Amino acid sequence: MKNARNLGVTFSKRCASLFKKASELCTLCGAEIDTMVVSQDGKVFSFGHPSVDTLVERFLGKNLPPPNNDVHNQQIVACREAGIHELITKLMNLVLADLLLQFVDILICETQHLHLVKYLSIGIS
């Protein structure tokens, strides 16, 4: 890009989008992410979960224990289970509604059959 201002705006937007996607990945999947971006003029921008320092130190071989994500993982599992429960409930409602419609159809057919048998028996005698 020729215009320095346009370049800066584009960089900022792309950087924000990248960090947003990284944050979504952390939230949805429980991933640990460290993302660093260096602009053309040498400024460093970073996003890290649980933190940039923790992940960089682990990457560089410092013997830090992995963070305890039990609470985060429990939240993810609970959210997934709630979604699954909601889908099962919707499915059961659809199945029950379909069964009810089939039952009503059978009742109508049986009622019509009984009326026909009664009509025919009256006509025969």
N, C-alpha and C. Protein backbone atom coordinates (compact mmCIF):
# COMPACT_ATOMS: atom_id res chain seq x y z
N MET A 1 0.84 -1.17 0.00
CA MET A 1 0.00 0.00 0.00
C MET A 1 0.88 1.23 0.00
N LYS A 2 0.44 2.18 -0.75
CA LYS A 2 1.25 3.39 -0.88
C LYS A 2 0.99 4.36 0.26
N ASN A 3 -0.25 4.47 0.72
CA ASN A 3 -0.61 5.42 1.75
C ASN A 3 -0.31 4.81 3.13
N ALA A 4 0.55 5.47 3.89
CA ALA A 4 0.96 4.98 5.20
C ALA A 4 -0.23 4.90 6.17
N ARG A 5 -1.15 5.85 6.06
CA ARG A 5 -2.32 5.84 6.95
C ARG A 5 -3.19 4.62 6.66
N ASN A 6 -3.43 4.32 5.38
CA ASN A 6 -4.21 3.15 5.01
C ASN A 6 -3.54 1.86 5.48
N LEU A 7 -2.22 1.83 5.39
CA LEU A 7 -1.47 0.67 5.85
C LEU A 7 -1.67 0.47 7.35
N GLY A 8 -1.61 1.55 8.11
CA GLY A 8 -1.80 1.46 9.56
C GLY A 8 -3.20 1.02 9.93
N VAL A 9 -4.21 1.54 9.23
CA VAL A 9 -5.60 1.15 9.50
C VAL A 9 -5.80 -0.32 9.17
N THR A 10 -5.29 -0.74 8.02
CA THR A 10 -5.41 -2.15 7.62
C THR A 10 -4.72 -3.06 8.63
N PHE A 11 -3.51 -2.67 9.05
CA PHE A 11 -2.78 -3.46 10.03
C PHE A 11 -3.59 -3.59 11.32
N SER A 12 -4.12 -2.49 11.82
CA SER A 12 -4.88 -2.50 13.07
C SER A 12 -6.10 -3.41 12.98
N LYS A 13 -6.83 -3.31 11.86
CA LYS A 13 -8.03 -4.13 11.68
C LYS A 13 -7.68 -5.61 11.60
N ARG A 14 -6.64 -5.93 10.83
CA ARG A 14 -6.25 -7.34 10.69
C ARG A 14 -5.72 -7.90 11.99
N CYS A 15 -4.97 -7.10 12.71
CA CYS A 15 -4.43 -7.52 14.00
C CYS A 15 -5.57 -7.79 15.00
N ALA A 16 -6.54 -6.87 15.04
CA ALA A 16 -7.69 -7.04 15.93
C ALA A 16 -8.48 -8.29 15.57
N SER A 17 -8.65 -8.55 14.28
CA SER A 17 -9.36 -9.75 13.83
C SER A 17 -8.62 -11.02 14.23
N LEU A 18 -7.31 -11.00 14.08
CA LEU A 18 -6.48 -12.14 14.46
C LEU A 18 -6.61 -12.43 15.95
N PHE A 19 -6.51 -11.41 16.77
CA PHE A 19 -6.60 -11.58 18.22
C PHE A 19 -8.01 -12.01 18.64
N LYS A 20 -9.02 -11.53 17.94
CA LYS A 20 -10.39 -11.93 18.24
C LYS A 20 -10.58 -13.42 17.96
N LYS A 21 -10.07 -13.89 16.82
CA LYS A 21 -10.16 -15.31 16.49
C LYS A 21 -9.39 -16.16 17.49
N ALA A 22 -8.24 -15.69 17.91
CA ALA A 22 -7.45 -16.41 18.91
C ALA A 22 -8.22 -16.50 20.23
N SER A 23 -8.87 -15.42 20.62
CA SER A 23 -9.66 -15.40 21.84
C SER A 23 -10.84 -16.36 21.75
N GLU A 24 -11.50 -16.39 20.58
CA GLU A 24 -12.63 -17.31 20.38
C GLU A 24 -12.17 -18.75 20.47
N LEU A 25 -11.01 -19.05 19.92
CA LEU A 25 -10.47 -20.40 19.98
C LEU A 25 -10.19 -20.81 21.42
N CYS A 26 -9.68 -19.90 22.21
CA CYS A 26 -9.44 -20.16 23.63
C CYS A 26 -10.75 -20.43 24.35
N THR A 27 -11.73 -19.59 24.11
CA THR A 27 -13.00 -19.70 24.80
C THR A 27 -13.75 -20.96 24.40
N LEU A 28 -13.81 -21.24 23.12
CA LEU A 28 -14.62 -22.36 22.64
C LEU A 28 -13.95 -23.72 22.84
N CYS A 29 -12.63 -23.76 22.75
CA CYS A 29 -11.94 -25.05 22.77
C CYS A 29 -11.02 -25.24 23.96
N GLY A 30 -10.86 -24.22 24.77
CA GLY A 30 -9.96 -24.35 25.92
C GLY A 30 -8.50 -24.34 25.52
N ALA A 31 -8.18 -23.83 24.34
CA ALA A 31 -6.80 -23.83 23.85
C ALA A 31 -5.99 -22.75 24.56
N GLU A 32 -4.69 -22.99 24.62
CA GLU A 32 -3.76 -21.99 25.12
C GLU A 32 -3.05 -21.42 23.91
N ILE A 33 -3.14 -20.11 23.75
CA ILE A 33 -2.64 -19.49 22.52
C ILE A 33 -1.76 -18.29 22.85
N ASP A 34 -0.69 -18.18 22.10
CA ASP A 34 0.17 -17.00 22.18
C ASP A 34 0.39 -16.51 20.75
N THR A 35 0.00 -15.30 20.50
CA THR A 35 0.14 -14.72 19.16
C THR A 35 0.87 -13.38 19.29
N MET A 36 1.94 -13.24 18.52
CA MET A 36 2.67 -11.98 18.51
C MET A 36 2.76 -11.46 17.09
N VAL A 37 2.55 -10.15 16.95
CA VAL A 37 2.61 -9.51 15.65
C VAL A 37 3.52 -8.29 15.79
N VAL A 38 4.43 -8.14 14.85
CA VAL A 38 5.32 -6.99 14.85
C VAL A 38 4.96 -6.13 13.64
N SER A 39 4.63 -4.86 13.90
CA SER A 39 4.26 -3.96 12.82
C SER A 39 5.49 -3.57 12.01
N GLN A 40 5.25 -2.88 10.91
CA GLN A 40 6.34 -2.47 10.02
C GLN A 40 7.30 -1.51 10.72
N ASP A 41 6.78 -0.74 11.68
CA ASP A 41 7.66 0.20 12.38
C ASP A 41 8.24 -0.38 13.67
N GLY A 42 8.10 -1.71 13.86
CA GLY A 42 8.76 -2.39 14.97
C GLY A 42 7.98 -2.50 16.26
N LYS A 43 6.73 -2.05 16.29
CA LYS A 43 5.92 -2.19 17.50
C LYS A 43 5.41 -3.63 17.60
N VAL A 44 5.48 -4.17 18.83
CA VAL A 44 5.05 -5.55 19.07
C VAL A 44 3.66 -5.54 19.69
N PHE A 45 2.77 -6.35 19.11
CA PHE A 45 1.42 -6.54 19.63
C PHE A 45 1.27 -8.02 19.95
N SER A 46 0.64 -8.32 21.08
CA SER A 46 0.54 -9.73 21.44
C SER A 46 -0.80 -10.04 22.12
N PHE A 47 -1.17 -11.30 21.99
CA PHE A 47 -2.32 -11.84 22.69
C PHE A 47 -1.89 -13.19 23.23
N GLY A 48 -2.20 -13.46 24.47
CA GLY A 48 -1.86 -14.76 25.05
C GLY A 48 -2.88 -15.19 26.07
N HIS A 49 -3.21 -16.46 26.04
CA HIS A 49 -4.09 -17.03 27.05
C HIS A 49 -3.49 -18.32 27.51
N PRO A 50 -3.18 -18.51 28.76
CA PRO A 50 -3.54 -17.69 29.91
C PRO A 50 -2.74 -16.39 29.99
N SER A 51 -1.50 -16.39 29.53
CA SER A 51 -0.75 -15.13 29.42
C SER A 51 0.40 -15.35 28.45
N VAL A 52 0.84 -14.28 27.85
CA VAL A 52 1.95 -14.36 26.90
C VAL A 52 3.20 -14.87 27.60
N ASP A 53 3.50 -14.32 28.76
CA ASP A 53 4.73 -14.70 29.48
C ASP A 53 4.73 -16.19 29.82
N THR A 54 3.63 -16.69 30.33
CA THR A 54 3.55 -18.09 30.72
C THR A 54 3.81 -19.01 29.53
N LEU A 55 3.17 -18.70 28.42
CA LEU A 55 3.32 -19.56 27.24
C LEU A 55 4.70 -19.44 26.61
N VAL A 56 5.28 -18.24 26.59
CA VAL A 56 6.62 -18.07 26.04
C VAL A 56 7.64 -18.82 26.91
N GLU A 57 7.51 -18.71 28.22
CA GLU A 57 8.44 -19.41 29.11
C GLU A 57 8.32 -20.93 28.94
N ARG A 58 7.10 -21.42 28.79
CA ARG A 58 6.92 -22.86 28.58
C ARG A 58 7.53 -23.26 27.23
N PHE A 59 7.33 -22.44 26.19
CA PHE A 59 7.88 -22.73 24.88
C PHE A 59 9.41 -22.74 24.91
N LEU A 60 10.00 -21.84 25.67
CA LEU A 60 11.46 -21.74 25.75
C LEU A 60 12.06 -22.81 26.66
N GLY A 61 11.21 -23.66 27.24
CA GLY A 61 11.73 -24.78 28.01
C GLY A 61 11.86 -24.52 29.49
N LYS A 62 11.38 -23.42 29.98
CA LYS A 62 11.37 -23.20 31.42
C LYS A 62 10.36 -24.19 32.00
N ASN A 63 10.71 -24.88 33.03
CA ASN A 63 9.86 -25.94 33.56
C ASN A 63 8.72 -25.39 34.40
N LEU A 64 7.80 -24.78 33.73
CA LEU A 64 6.61 -24.30 34.43
C LEU A 64 5.49 -25.33 34.25
N PRO A 65 4.75 -25.59 35.30
CA PRO A 65 3.65 -26.53 35.14
C PRO A 65 2.55 -25.92 34.27
N PRO A 66 1.84 -26.76 33.54
CA PRO A 66 0.74 -26.22 32.75
C PRO A 66 -0.32 -25.65 33.67
N PRO A 67 -1.02 -24.63 33.24
CA PRO A 67 -2.03 -24.02 34.09
C PRO A 67 -3.18 -24.98 34.36
N ASN A 68 -3.85 -24.76 35.48
CA ASN A 68 -4.98 -25.59 35.85
C ASN A 68 -6.22 -25.03 35.16
N ASN A 69 -6.68 -25.73 34.16
CA ASN A 69 -7.85 -25.28 33.41
C ASN A 69 -9.12 -26.01 33.80
N ASP A 70 -9.12 -26.63 35.00
CA ASP A 70 -10.28 -27.40 35.40
C ASP A 70 -11.56 -26.57 35.36
N VAL A 71 -11.50 -25.35 35.89
CA VAL A 71 -12.70 -24.51 35.91
C VAL A 71 -13.12 -24.16 34.49
N HIS A 72 -12.15 -23.80 33.67
CA HIS A 72 -12.46 -23.44 32.28
C HIS A 72 -13.03 -24.64 31.53
N ASN A 73 -12.40 -25.81 31.70
CA ASN A 73 -12.88 -27.01 31.03
C ASN A 73 -14.27 -27.40 31.53
N GLN A 74 -14.51 -27.23 32.82
CA GLN A 74 -15.84 -27.53 33.36
C GLN A 74 -16.89 -26.61 32.74
N GLN A 75 -16.53 -25.36 32.53
CA GLN A 75 -17.47 -24.42 31.89
C GLN A 75 -17.76 -24.85 30.46
N ILE A 76 -16.74 -25.26 29.74
CA ILE A 76 -16.93 -25.71 28.37
C ILE A 76 -17.82 -26.95 28.33
N VAL A 77 -17.52 -27.92 29.19
CA VAL A 77 -18.32 -29.15 29.23
C VAL A 77 -19.76 -28.84 29.61
N ALA A 78 -19.94 -27.96 30.60
CA ALA A 78 -21.30 -27.61 31.01
C ALA A 78 -22.06 -26.93 29.87
N CYS A 79 -21.38 -26.06 29.15
CA CYS A 79 -22.02 -25.37 28.02
C CYS A 79 -22.39 -26.37 26.93
N ARG A 80 -21.49 -27.30 26.62
CA ARG A 80 -21.78 -28.31 25.61
C ARG A 80 -22.94 -29.20 26.05
N GLU A 81 -22.92 -29.61 27.33
CA GLU A 81 -23.99 -30.48 27.84
C GLU A 81 -25.33 -29.76 27.81
N ALA A 82 -25.34 -28.47 28.13
CA ALA A 82 -26.59 -27.70 28.07
C ALA A 82 -27.10 -27.65 26.63
N GLY A 83 -26.20 -27.44 25.68
CA GLY A 83 -26.60 -27.42 24.28
C GLY A 83 -27.12 -28.77 23.83
N ILE A 84 -26.45 -29.84 24.26
CA ILE A 84 -26.89 -31.19 23.91
C ILE A 84 -28.25 -31.47 24.53
N HIS A 85 -28.43 -31.09 25.79
CA HIS A 85 -29.72 -31.28 26.47
C HIS A 85 -30.83 -30.54 25.73
N GLU A 86 -30.54 -29.33 25.30
CA GLU A 86 -31.54 -28.54 24.57
C GLU A 86 -31.90 -29.22 23.25
N LEU A 87 -30.89 -29.73 22.53
CA LEU A 87 -31.16 -30.41 21.27
C LEU A 87 -31.97 -31.69 21.49
N ILE A 88 -31.64 -32.44 22.54
CA ILE A 88 -32.39 -33.67 22.85
C ILE A 88 -33.84 -33.32 23.18
N THR A 89 -34.05 -32.27 23.94
CA THR A 89 -35.40 -31.85 24.29
C THR A 89 -36.19 -31.48 23.04
N LYS A 90 -35.56 -30.72 22.13
CA LYS A 90 -36.24 -30.34 20.89
C LYS A 90 -36.57 -31.58 20.06
N LEU A 91 -35.62 -32.51 19.98
CA LEU A 91 -35.85 -33.73 19.22
C LEU A 91 -36.99 -34.55 19.82
N MET A 92 -36.98 -34.68 21.14
CA MET A 92 -38.06 -35.42 21.80
C MET A 92 -39.41 -34.76 21.57
N ASN A 93 -39.45 -33.44 21.61
CA ASN A 93 -40.70 -32.72 21.35
C ASN A 93 -41.18 -32.99 19.92
N LEU A 94 -40.25 -32.99 18.97
CA LEU A 94 -40.62 -33.28 17.59
C LEU A 94 -41.12 -34.71 17.43
N VAL A 95 -40.43 -35.65 18.07
CA VAL A 95 -40.83 -37.06 17.99
C VAL A 95 -42.19 -37.25 18.64
N LEU A 96 -42.39 -36.65 19.81
CA LEU A 96 -43.68 -36.77 20.49
C LEU A 96 -44.80 -36.13 19.67
N ALA A 97 -44.53 -35.00 19.07
CA ALA A 97 -45.54 -34.35 18.23
C ALA A 97 -45.89 -35.23 17.04
N ASP A 98 -44.88 -35.85 16.44
CA ASP A 98 -45.11 -36.73 15.30
C ASP A 98 -45.91 -37.96 15.74
N LEU A 99 -45.56 -38.54 16.88
CA LEU A 99 -46.30 -39.70 17.39
C LEU A 99 -47.75 -39.33 17.70
N LEU A 100 -47.94 -38.15 18.25
CA LEU A 100 -49.29 -37.69 18.56
C LEU A 100 -50.11 -37.55 17.28
N LEU A 101 -49.52 -36.98 16.24
CA LEU A 101 -50.21 -36.85 14.95
C LEU A 101 -50.54 -38.22 14.37
N GLN A 102 -49.62 -39.16 14.48
CA GLN A 102 -49.88 -40.51 13.98
C GLN A 102 -51.01 -41.16 14.78
N PHE A 103 -51.02 -40.97 16.08
CA PHE A 103 -52.05 -41.54 16.94
C PHE A 103 -53.42 -40.95 16.57
N VAL A 104 -53.47 -39.66 16.36
CA VAL A 104 -54.73 -39.00 15.98
C VAL A 104 -55.20 -39.55 14.63
N ASP A 105 -54.29 -39.72 13.69
CA ASP A 105 -54.65 -40.29 12.39
C ASP A 105 -55.23 -41.69 12.55
N ILE A 106 -54.61 -42.49 13.40
CA ILE A 106 -55.11 -43.85 13.63
C ILE A 106 -56.50 -43.80 14.26
N LEU A 107 -56.68 -42.91 15.23
CA LEU A 107 -58.00 -42.78 15.86
C LEU A 107 -59.06 -42.37 14.84
N ILE A 108 -58.71 -41.45 13.99
CA ILE A 108 -59.66 -41.01 12.96
C ILE A 108 -60.00 -42.17 12.03
N CYS A 109 -58.99 -42.92 11.60
CA CYS A 109 -59.24 -44.07 10.72
C CYS A 109 -60.11 -45.11 11.41
N GLU A 110 -59.80 -45.40 12.67
CA GLU A 110 -60.58 -46.38 13.42
C GLU A 110 -62.03 -45.92 13.60
N THR A 111 -62.19 -44.65 13.89
CA THR A 111 -63.54 -44.10 14.05
C THR A 111 -64.30 -44.19 12.74
N GLN A 112 -63.66 -43.84 11.64
CA GLN A 112 -64.30 -43.94 10.34
C GLN A 112 -64.63 -45.40 10.02
N HIS A 113 -63.73 -46.29 10.38
CA HIS A 113 -63.96 -47.72 10.15
C HIS A 113 -65.16 -48.20 10.95
N LEU A 114 -65.24 -47.79 12.21
CA LEU A 114 -66.38 -48.18 13.04
C LEU A 114 -67.69 -47.64 12.48
N HIS A 115 -67.68 -46.40 12.03
CA HIS A 115 -68.88 -45.81 11.42
C HIS A 115 -69.27 -46.58 10.16
N LEU A 116 -68.28 -46.96 9.36
CA LEU A 116 -68.56 -47.72 8.14
C LEU A 116 -69.14 -49.08 8.47
N VAL A 117 -68.54 -49.76 9.45
CA VAL A 117 -69.05 -51.08 9.86
C VAL A 117 -70.47 -50.94 10.37
N LYS A 118 -70.72 -49.94 11.20
CA LYS A 118 -72.07 -49.72 11.74
C LYS A 118 -73.04 -49.42 10.60
N TYR A 119 -72.66 -48.60 9.66
CA TYR A 119 -73.51 -48.24 8.52
C TYR A 119 -73.83 -49.48 7.68
N LEU A 120 -72.76 -50.27 7.42
CA LEU A 120 -72.96 -51.47 6.62
C LEU A 120 -73.82 -52.50 7.34
N SER A 121 -73.63 -52.62 8.66
CA SER A 121 -74.44 -53.60 9.39
C SER A 121 -75.90 -53.18 9.45
N ILE A 122 -76.17 -51.90 9.48
CA ILE A 122 -77.54 -51.41 9.48
C ILE A 122 -78.16 -51.65 8.09
N GLY A 123 -77.39 -51.41 7.08
CA GLY A 123 -77.88 -51.59 5.70
C GLY A 123 -78.11 -53.04 5.34
N ILE A 124 -77.33 -53.94 5.93
CA ILE A 124 -77.43 -55.37 5.63
C ILE A 124 -78.66 -55.96 6.33
N SER A 125 -78.97 -55.55 7.55
CA SER A 125 -80.07 -56.16 8.29
C SER A 125 -81.41 -55.64 7.94
